[in-house]
Amino acid sequence: MHANTSEQQNGSPLSQDPSFQSNWRGAWYAAPMRMQPAHLTNRTLAQVVHLHAGGRQIRLRFSNRYGERPLGLASMTVGRSLSGLWQKAPVWPVLFQGQERVSIEAGENVISDPISLQVEAFSNLVISFVVTEGDISTGHLIASQTSYVSTPGAENASTIPAAEELFAAYSLTTTAWWALIGVEVLPEKLTSVVVALGDSTTDGAFSTIDANRRYPDYLARRLATRRETGVMSVLSTTAALMQPASLLAV
């Protein structure tokens, strides 16, 4: 299918976005930036993200903002991360208007259908998908998080039961995020969102890989300990001012 969901109305008033009219809140966000095209057709990309808010449902945002042709994704799943790529069963399928495939037009963003997955603040998710067409030209350079790229034709991570086989299939790694730009939650409690603006420091540059020690991570944890602030999610909207990144060795 060609998805044309909540973000198809570029340039329209914010109040027309379903997120503005509902209780969905941002739990994780990576500002989209131009990347050197990653040639990942027929590979699975498994990306790890760290949430700053919990909820009873989630939905995912993807971007092909800097692509020059449609980007096809399929066989997408999401699950709770036990350690890096290794997931706690079960995993949940991710659909787009009821379909397991989505084609994101050049310059467009899409959002998934809601997923009935209960998540906690400060937990990690693994989001996996197969690239079926096009190159990924949109992503976020400074992830400070390891994500995984399969060998050509490897199955989605959710179908590989043994750790040895899993990590053999995903022999390449990247510390950038690709195509995935946001995770939203439907919270059970009133949740506010703090948007952090700044330079690469705000983006978490040079923080320890896989340790969630970015500046917004510390701010989110600090706010969570203060009763008077209520429940808050901290999102960084910073994109590093650098040359386009490339996914090496792929």
Protein backbone atom coordinates (compact mmCIF):
# COMPACT_ATOMS: atom_id res chain seq x y z
CA MET A 1 0.00 0.00 0.00
CA HIS A 2 0.97 3.62 -0.39
CA ALA A 3 0.60 5.11 3.07
CA ASN A 4 -0.82 8.59 3.27
CA THR A 5 -1.55 8.90 6.95
CA SER A 6 -1.27 11.50 9.66
CA GLU A 7 1.60 13.45 8.17
CA GLN A 8 0.49 13.63 4.56
CA GLN A 9 -0.84 17.15 5.08
CA ASN A 10 2.49 18.98 4.89
CA GLY A 11 1.99 22.67 5.56
CA SER A 12 -1.44 22.22 7.14
CA PRO A 13 -2.28 23.70 10.55
CA LEU A 14 -0.98 21.77 13.55
CA SER A 15 -4.53 21.38 14.83
CA GLN A 16 -5.29 19.09 11.85
CA ASP A 17 -2.69 16.55 12.96
CA PRO A 18 -4.40 13.67 14.84
CA SER A 19 -1.66 13.80 17.50
CA PHE A 20 -2.74 17.33 18.36
CA GLN A 21 -6.37 16.27 18.74
CA SER A 22 -5.79 13.15 20.86
CA ASN A 23 -3.94 11.96 23.94
CA TRP A 24 -0.97 10.53 22.03
CA ARG A 25 2.35 11.75 23.39
CA GLY A 26 5.90 11.53 22.08
CA ALA A 27 8.03 8.99 23.97
CA TRP A 28 11.02 9.01 21.62
CA TYR A 29 12.01 11.23 18.71
CA ALA A 30 14.96 11.59 16.34
CA ALA A 31 15.01 14.72 14.20
CA PRO A 32 15.18 13.62 10.54
CA MET A 33 18.28 14.68 8.62
CA ARG A 34 19.75 13.97 5.21
CA MET A 35 21.93 10.85 5.12
CA GLN A 36 24.05 9.32 2.39
CA PRO A 37 21.73 6.68 0.88
CA ALA A 38 21.93 3.31 2.62
CA HIS A 39 21.53 0.48 0.12
CA LEU A 40 19.58 -1.98 2.25
CA THR A 41 17.15 -3.61 -0.18
CA ASN A 42 16.32 -7.16 0.91
CA ARG A 43 17.95 -6.63 4.30
CA THR A 44 16.38 -6.31 7.74
CA LEU A 45 17.19 -3.30 9.89
CA ALA A 46 16.65 -3.78 13.64
CA GLN A 47 16.80 -0.53 15.62
CA VAL A 48 16.85 0.00 19.38
CA VAL A 49 15.17 3.04 20.96
CA HIS A 50 14.91 4.22 24.59
CA LEU A 51 11.50 5.54 25.66
CA HIS A 52 10.96 8.50 27.98
CA ALA A 53 7.25 7.80 28.58
CA GLY A 54 5.05 4.74 29.04
CA GLY A 55 1.59 3.87 27.83
CA ARG A 56 -0.93 1.18 26.97
CA GLN A 57 -0.48 1.53 23.20
CA ILE A 58 2.23 2.75 20.86
CA ARG A 59 2.54 3.88 17.26
CA LEU A 60 5.61 4.50 15.10
CA ARG A 61 6.61 7.33 12.77
CA PHE A 62 8.82 6.92 9.70
CA SER A 63 10.23 9.43 7.24
CA ASN A 64 11.38 9.48 3.63
CA ARG A 65 11.79 13.26 3.73
CA TYR A 66 15.10 13.30 1.87
CA GLY A 67 14.45 10.35 -0.42
CA GLU A 68 14.17 10.77 -4.18
CA ARG A 69 11.92 7.77 -4.77
CA PRO A 70 9.50 5.65 -2.73
CA LEU A 71 10.86 3.69 0.24
CA GLY A 72 9.25 0.30 0.78
CA LEU A 73 9.15 -1.37 4.21
CA ALA A 74 7.58 -4.71 5.15
CA SER A 75 7.41 -7.48 7.77
CA MET A 76 7.75 -4.92 10.54
CA THR A 77 7.70 -5.94 14.20
CA VAL A 78 8.26 -4.31 17.57
CA GLY A 79 9.21 -5.93 20.85
CA ARG A 80 10.71 -5.23 24.24
CA SER A 81 14.50 -5.36 24.26
CA LEU A 82 16.14 -7.65 26.81
CA SER A 83 19.66 -6.74 25.75
CA GLY A 84 20.42 -4.96 22.50
CA LEU A 85 18.93 -6.91 19.61
CA TRP A 86 17.68 -9.76 21.82
CA GLN A 87 13.94 -9.39 22.44
CA LYS A 88 11.53 -10.63 25.05
CA ALA A 89 8.77 -12.75 23.48
CA PRO A 90 6.29 -12.05 22.11
CA VAL A 91 6.81 -9.46 19.40
CA TRP A 92 4.02 -7.43 17.83
CA PRO A 93 3.38 -6.91 14.10
CA VAL A 94 3.32 -3.31 12.89
CA LEU A 95 0.66 -2.47 10.31
CA PHE A 96 -0.14 0.55 8.16
CA GLN A 97 -3.85 0.95 7.44
CA GLY A 98 -4.16 -2.76 8.15
CA GLN A 99 -1.38 -3.80 5.77
CA GLU A 100 2.03 -5.27 6.60
CA ARG A 101 3.70 -3.35 3.77
CA VAL A 102 4.06 0.39 3.33
CA SER A 103 5.48 2.52 0.53
CA ILE A 104 6.58 5.95 1.73
CA GLU A 105 6.59 8.48 -1.07
CA ALA A 106 9.62 10.75 -1.53
CA GLY A 107 9.41 13.69 0.84
CA GLU A 108 6.67 12.14 2.98
CA ASN A 109 6.28 10.84 6.54
CA VAL A 110 3.96 8.05 7.67
CA ILE A 111 2.60 6.77 10.96
CA SER A 112 1.67 3.19 11.85
CA ASP A 113 -1.61 1.86 13.13
CA PRO A 114 -1.84 1.77 16.95
CA ILE A 115 -0.18 -1.27 18.53
CA SER A 116 -1.57 -2.76 21.75
CA LEU A 117 1.79 -3.04 23.47
CA GLN A 118 2.11 -1.90 27.09
CA VAL A 119 5.42 -0.07 27.54
CA GLU A 120 7.16 1.50 30.52
CA ALA A 121 9.10 4.74 30.69
CA PHE A 122 12.88 4.24 30.38
CA SER A 123 12.51 0.89 28.67
CA ASN A 124 13.98 -0.12 25.30
CA LEU A 125 12.17 -1.33 22.21
CA VAL A 126 13.52 -3.17 19.16
CA ILE A 127 11.84 -2.15 15.90
CA SER A 128 12.64 -4.37 12.90
CA PHE A 129 11.65 -4.15 9.25
CA VAL A 130 12.68 -5.42 5.83
CA VAL A 131 13.56 -2.83 3.17
CA THR A 132 11.73 -3.92 0.02
CA GLU A 133 12.49 -1.01 -2.32
CA GLY A 134 14.47 2.21 -2.47
CA ASP A 135 17.39 3.53 -0.47
CA ILE A 136 17.14 5.04 3.00
CA SER A 137 18.25 8.68 2.73
CA THR A 138 16.58 9.98 5.90
CA GLY A 139 17.75 9.25 9.41
CA HIS A 140 19.58 10.63 12.42
CA LEU A 141 23.35 10.60 12.63
CA ILE A 142 23.99 10.68 16.38
CA ALA A 143 22.04 7.80 17.90
CA SER A 144 24.56 6.75 20.58
CA GLN A 145 22.77 3.43 20.25
CA THR A 146 23.74 0.28 18.38
CA SER A 147 21.30 -0.94 15.75
CA TYR A 148 21.69 -3.98 13.54
CA VAL A 149 21.68 -4.75 9.81
CA SER A 150 21.12 -8.24 8.46
CA THR A 151 22.87 -10.04 5.67
CA PRO A 152 20.88 -9.97 2.40
CA GLY A 153 17.75 -12.06 2.59
CA ALA A 154 17.93 -12.69 6.35
CA GLU A 155 14.66 -13.14 8.17
CA ASN A 156 13.13 -10.57 10.46
CA ALA A 157 14.57 -10.73 13.99
CA SER A 158 11.25 -11.90 15.44
CA THR A 159 11.51 -15.23 13.58
CA ILE A 160 15.00 -16.23 14.74
CA PRO A 161 14.84 -18.11 18.08
CA ALA A 162 18.51 -18.86 18.85
CA ALA A 163 20.89 -16.12 19.96
CA GLU A 164 23.79 -17.54 17.94
CA GLU A 165 21.75 -17.57 14.74
CA LEU A 166 20.28 -14.16 15.50
CA PHE A 167 23.61 -12.39 15.85
CA ALA A 168 25.07 -14.28 12.88
CA ALA A 169 22.23 -12.98 10.73
CA TYR A 170 22.77 -9.42 11.96
CA SER A 171 26.52 -9.18 11.52
CA LEU A 172 26.61 -5.45 10.66
CA THR A 173 25.95 -2.62 13.08
CA THR A 174 25.31 1.12 12.90
CA THR A 175 25.15 3.88 15.51
CA ALA A 176 22.71 5.98 13.49
CA TRP A 177 18.94 5.64 13.18
CA TRP A 178 17.45 5.10 9.72
CA ALA A 179 13.93 6.06 8.52
CA LEU A 180 12.48 5.67 12.04
CA ILE A 181 11.87 9.12 13.56
CA GLY A 182 9.39 8.70 16.39
CA VAL A 183 7.55 6.51 18.89
CA GLU A 184 4.32 7.79 20.44
CA VAL A 185 2.44 6.33 23.38
CA LEU A 186 -1.13 6.48 24.60
CA PRO A 187 -0.42 7.15 28.28
CA GLU A 188 -2.52 5.97 31.21
CA LYS A 189 -1.70 9.14 33.14
CA LEU A 190 -1.64 12.75 32.04
CA THR A 191 1.76 13.18 30.39
CA SER A 192 3.46 16.41 29.33
CA VAL A 193 6.25 16.69 26.78
CA VAL A 194 9.41 18.79 27.10
CA VAL A 195 11.19 19.60 23.84
CA ALA A 196 14.96 20.07 24.14
CA LEU A 197 16.51 22.44 21.60
CA GLY A 198 20.25 22.87 21.20
CA ASP A 199 23.39 21.77 19.41
CA SER A 200 25.07 18.38 19.22
CA THR A 201 25.45 18.35 23.02
CA THR A 202 21.67 18.26 23.35
CA ASP A 203 21.71 15.51 20.74
CA GLY A 204 23.95 13.36 22.94
CA ALA A 205 27.15 13.64 20.92
CA PHE A 206 30.06 11.66 22.41
CA SER A 207 27.91 10.07 25.11
CA THR A 208 28.54 6.40 25.93
CA ILE A 209 27.10 4.06 23.31
CA ASP A 210 24.13 1.96 24.50
CA ALA A 211 24.16 3.56 27.97
CA ASN A 212 21.36 6.14 27.52
CA ARG A 213 23.52 8.92 28.92
CA ARG A 214 22.46 11.64 26.52
CA TYR A 215 21.58 15.02 28.01
CA PRO A 216 17.80 14.51 27.40
CA ASP A 217 18.02 11.06 29.06
CA TYR A 218 19.43 12.60 32.23
CA LEU A 219 16.85 15.39 32.14
CA ALA A 220 13.98 12.91 31.72
CA ARG A 221 15.17 10.78 34.65
CA ARG A 222 15.64 13.84 36.83
CA LEU A 223 12.15 15.15 36.08
CA ALA A 224 10.70 11.70 36.80
CA THR A 225 11.92 11.95 40.40
CA ARG A 226 10.20 15.28 41.03
CA ARG A 227 6.61 14.86 42.15
CA GLU A 228 5.65 18.45 41.32
CA THR A 229 6.46 18.05 37.61
CA GLY A 230 4.02 15.18 37.08
CA VAL A 231 4.70 12.68 34.29
CA MET A 232 6.94 14.16 31.60
CA SER A 233 8.61 12.97 28.41
CA VAL A 234 11.74 14.72 27.10
CA LEU A 235 12.33 14.79 23.34
CA SER A 236 15.39 16.12 21.52
CA THR A 237 14.63 17.82 18.20
CA THR A 238 18.27 18.56 17.37
CA ALA A 239 19.89 17.45 14.13
CA ALA A 240 23.68 17.55 14.02
CA LEU A 241 25.08 20.16 11.63
CA MET A 242 27.37 17.82 9.75
CA GLN A 243 27.85 16.38 6.28
CA PRO A 244 25.41 13.59 5.39
CA ALA A 245 26.18 10.35 7.19
CA SER A 246 26.75 7.03 5.50
CA LEU A 247 26.14 3.47 6.61
CA LEU A 248 29.58 2.00 6.11
CA ALA A 249 30.27 -1.49 4.82
CA VAL A 250 26.72 -2.05 3.58
